Amino acid sequence: MELADEIVLLLHLIGFAALFGGILVQIRVREPEVNAAMLHGSYTMLVTGLALAVLAWTGGGPGNDDQVNVAKLVTKLVIAAIIAFLVIINRRFTSIPRGLWSLLGLLTLGNAVLAVLWQ
């Protein structure tokens, strides 16, 4: 069971890498767009984040110390849901405003910062 927990965590990190990488490759692009890496990365982060939350609540999960920080889980899941929502509704456009692109990057990076720094 511990191996499955670690695999879910690895998939979550891969989702983050895909989403953030999809954002970073467009730094010099004049008109950024929601690319496939951003779309699939946001899906992966949201689904695996939910799976990690369920694992933490049921007593499993990587790094479990028998104390679930509900506020942290809810905050991170809300941010991941906002990211996924923004990516999904803007996927159909050929380009997105630079401000939205920046917001997606900041939300993604902020979600990672919360994961690391909020104890």
Protein backbone atom coordinates (compact mmCIF):
# COMPACT_ATOMS: atom_id res chain seq x y z
CA MET A 1 0.00 0.00 0.00
CA GLU A 2 2.89 2.34 0.71
CA LEU A 3 4.12 1.90 -2.86
CA ALA A 4 0.72 2.98 -4.19
CA ASP A 5 0.85 6.09 -1.98
CA GLU A 6 4.26 7.02 -3.32
CA ILE A 7 3.10 6.45 -6.91
CA VAL A 8 0.16 8.83 -6.38
CA LEU A 9 2.57 11.43 -4.96
CA LEU A 10 4.89 10.97 -7.95
CA LEU A 11 1.97 11.44 -10.36
CA HIS A 12 1.00 14.61 -8.48
CA LEU A 13 4.52 15.99 -8.93
CA ILE A 14 4.46 15.04 -12.62
CA GLY A 15 1.17 16.93 -12.97
CA PHE A 16 2.75 20.00 -11.36
CA ALA A 17 5.76 19.72 -13.67
CA ALA A 18 3.52 19.46 -16.74
CA LEU A 19 1.36 22.42 -15.72
CA PHE A 20 4.23 24.68 -14.69
CA GLY A 21 6.35 23.61 -17.66
CA GLY A 22 3.45 24.35 -20.01
CA ILE A 23 3.30 27.83 -18.55
CA LEU A 24 7.07 28.44 -18.57
CA VAL A 25 7.59 27.48 -22.22
CA GLN A 26 5.46 30.46 -23.18
CA ILE A 27 7.54 33.15 -21.49
CA ARG A 28 8.72 34.63 -24.78
CA VAL A 29 5.57 33.91 -26.77
CA ARG A 30 3.73 37.05 -27.81
CA GLU A 31 0.27 35.49 -27.41
CA PRO A 32 0.26 32.67 -24.84
CA GLU A 33 -2.29 29.88 -25.05
CA VAL A 34 -3.54 27.03 -22.93
CA ASN A 35 -1.49 24.15 -24.30
CA ALA A 36 -1.95 20.41 -23.81
CA ALA A 37 0.67 20.25 -21.03
CA MET A 38 -1.26 22.82 -19.00
CA LEU A 39 -4.56 21.02 -19.57
CA HIS A 40 -3.33 17.55 -18.67
CA GLY A 41 -1.16 18.84 -15.84
CA SER A 42 -4.10 20.63 -14.22
CA TYR A 43 -6.27 17.50 -14.51
CA THR A 44 -3.50 15.36 -13.04
CA MET A 45 -2.82 17.75 -10.17
CA LEU A 46 -6.50 17.99 -9.25
CA VAL A 47 -7.24 14.25 -9.40
CA THR A 48 -4.07 13.14 -7.64
CA GLY A 49 -4.47 15.93 -5.08
CA LEU A 50 -7.92 14.58 -4.26
CA ALA A 51 -6.45 11.08 -4.04
CA LEU A 52 -3.71 12.28 -1.68
CA ALA A 53 -6.32 14.03 0.49
CA VAL A 54 -8.38 10.84 0.71
CA LEU A 55 -5.26 8.84 1.56
CA ALA A 56 -4.35 11.32 4.30
CA TRP A 57 -7.86 11.19 5.76
CA THR A 58 -7.95 7.40 5.78
CA GLY A 59 -4.66 7.15 7.61
CA GLY A 60 -2.40 6.34 4.69
CA GLY A 61 -0.52 8.62 2.44
CA PRO A 62 3.12 9.61 2.20
CA GLY A 63 4.50 11.44 5.21
CA ASN A 64 1.42 10.81 7.33
CA ASP A 65 1.88 11.84 10.95
CA ASP A 66 -1.67 11.03 12.10
CA GLN A 67 -2.52 14.74 12.03
CA VAL A 68 -4.38 15.96 8.93
CA ASN A 69 -4.21 19.71 8.32
CA VAL A 70 -7.70 20.21 6.92
CA ALA A 71 -7.22 23.92 6.23
CA LYS A 72 -4.14 23.19 4.13
CA LEU A 73 -5.89 20.43 2.17
CA VAL A 74 -8.96 22.54 1.47
CA THR A 75 -6.88 25.58 0.47
CA LYS A 76 -4.71 23.57 -1.91
CA LEU A 77 -7.69 21.77 -3.45
CA VAL A 78 -9.56 25.04 -3.99
CA ILE A 79 -6.52 26.56 -5.71
CA ALA A 80 -6.10 23.43 -7.87
CA ALA A 81 -9.80 23.56 -8.78
CA ILE A 82 -9.51 27.24 -9.75
CA ILE A 83 -6.48 26.48 -11.91
CA ALA A 84 -8.25 23.56 -13.61
CA PHE A 85 -11.39 25.66 -14.16
CA LEU A 86 -9.44 28.53 -15.72
CA VAL A 87 -7.48 26.17 -17.94
CA ILE A 88 -10.59 24.28 -19.08
CA ILE A 89 -12.70 27.33 -19.94
CA ASN A 90 -9.83 29.06 -21.76
CA ARG A 91 -8.70 26.01 -23.73
CA ARG A 92 -10.99 26.84 -26.64
CA PHE A 93 -9.36 30.22 -27.34
CA THR A 94 -6.38 30.53 -29.64
CA SER A 95 -4.67 32.86 -27.17
CA ILE A 96 -5.18 34.07 -23.61
CA PRO A 97 -4.38 37.46 -22.08
CA ARG A 98 -0.92 37.83 -20.57
CA GLY A 99 -2.56 38.62 -17.21
CA LEU A 100 -4.41 35.29 -17.17
CA TRP A 101 -1.21 33.51 -18.12
CA SER A 102 0.57 35.22 -15.22
CA LEU A 103 -2.28 34.38 -12.84
CA LEU A 104 -2.10 30.70 -13.79
CA GLY A 105 1.65 30.71 -13.18
CA LEU A 106 1.33 32.46 -9.82
CA LEU A 107 -1.48 30.17 -8.66
CA THR A 108 0.51 27.10 -9.68
CA LEU A 109 3.68 28.30 -7.98
CA GLY A 110 1.68 29.44 -4.94
CA ASN A 111 0.12 26.01 -4.62
CA ALA A 112 3.58 24.44 -4.58
CA VAL A 113 4.80 26.97 -2.01
CA LEU A 114 1.83 26.14 0.23
CA ALA A 115 2.63 22.45 -0.04
CA VAL A 116 6.22 22.95 1.03
CA LEU A 117 6.05 25.75 3.59
CA TRP A 118 2.71 25.25 5.35
CA GLN A 119 3.30 22.76 8.15
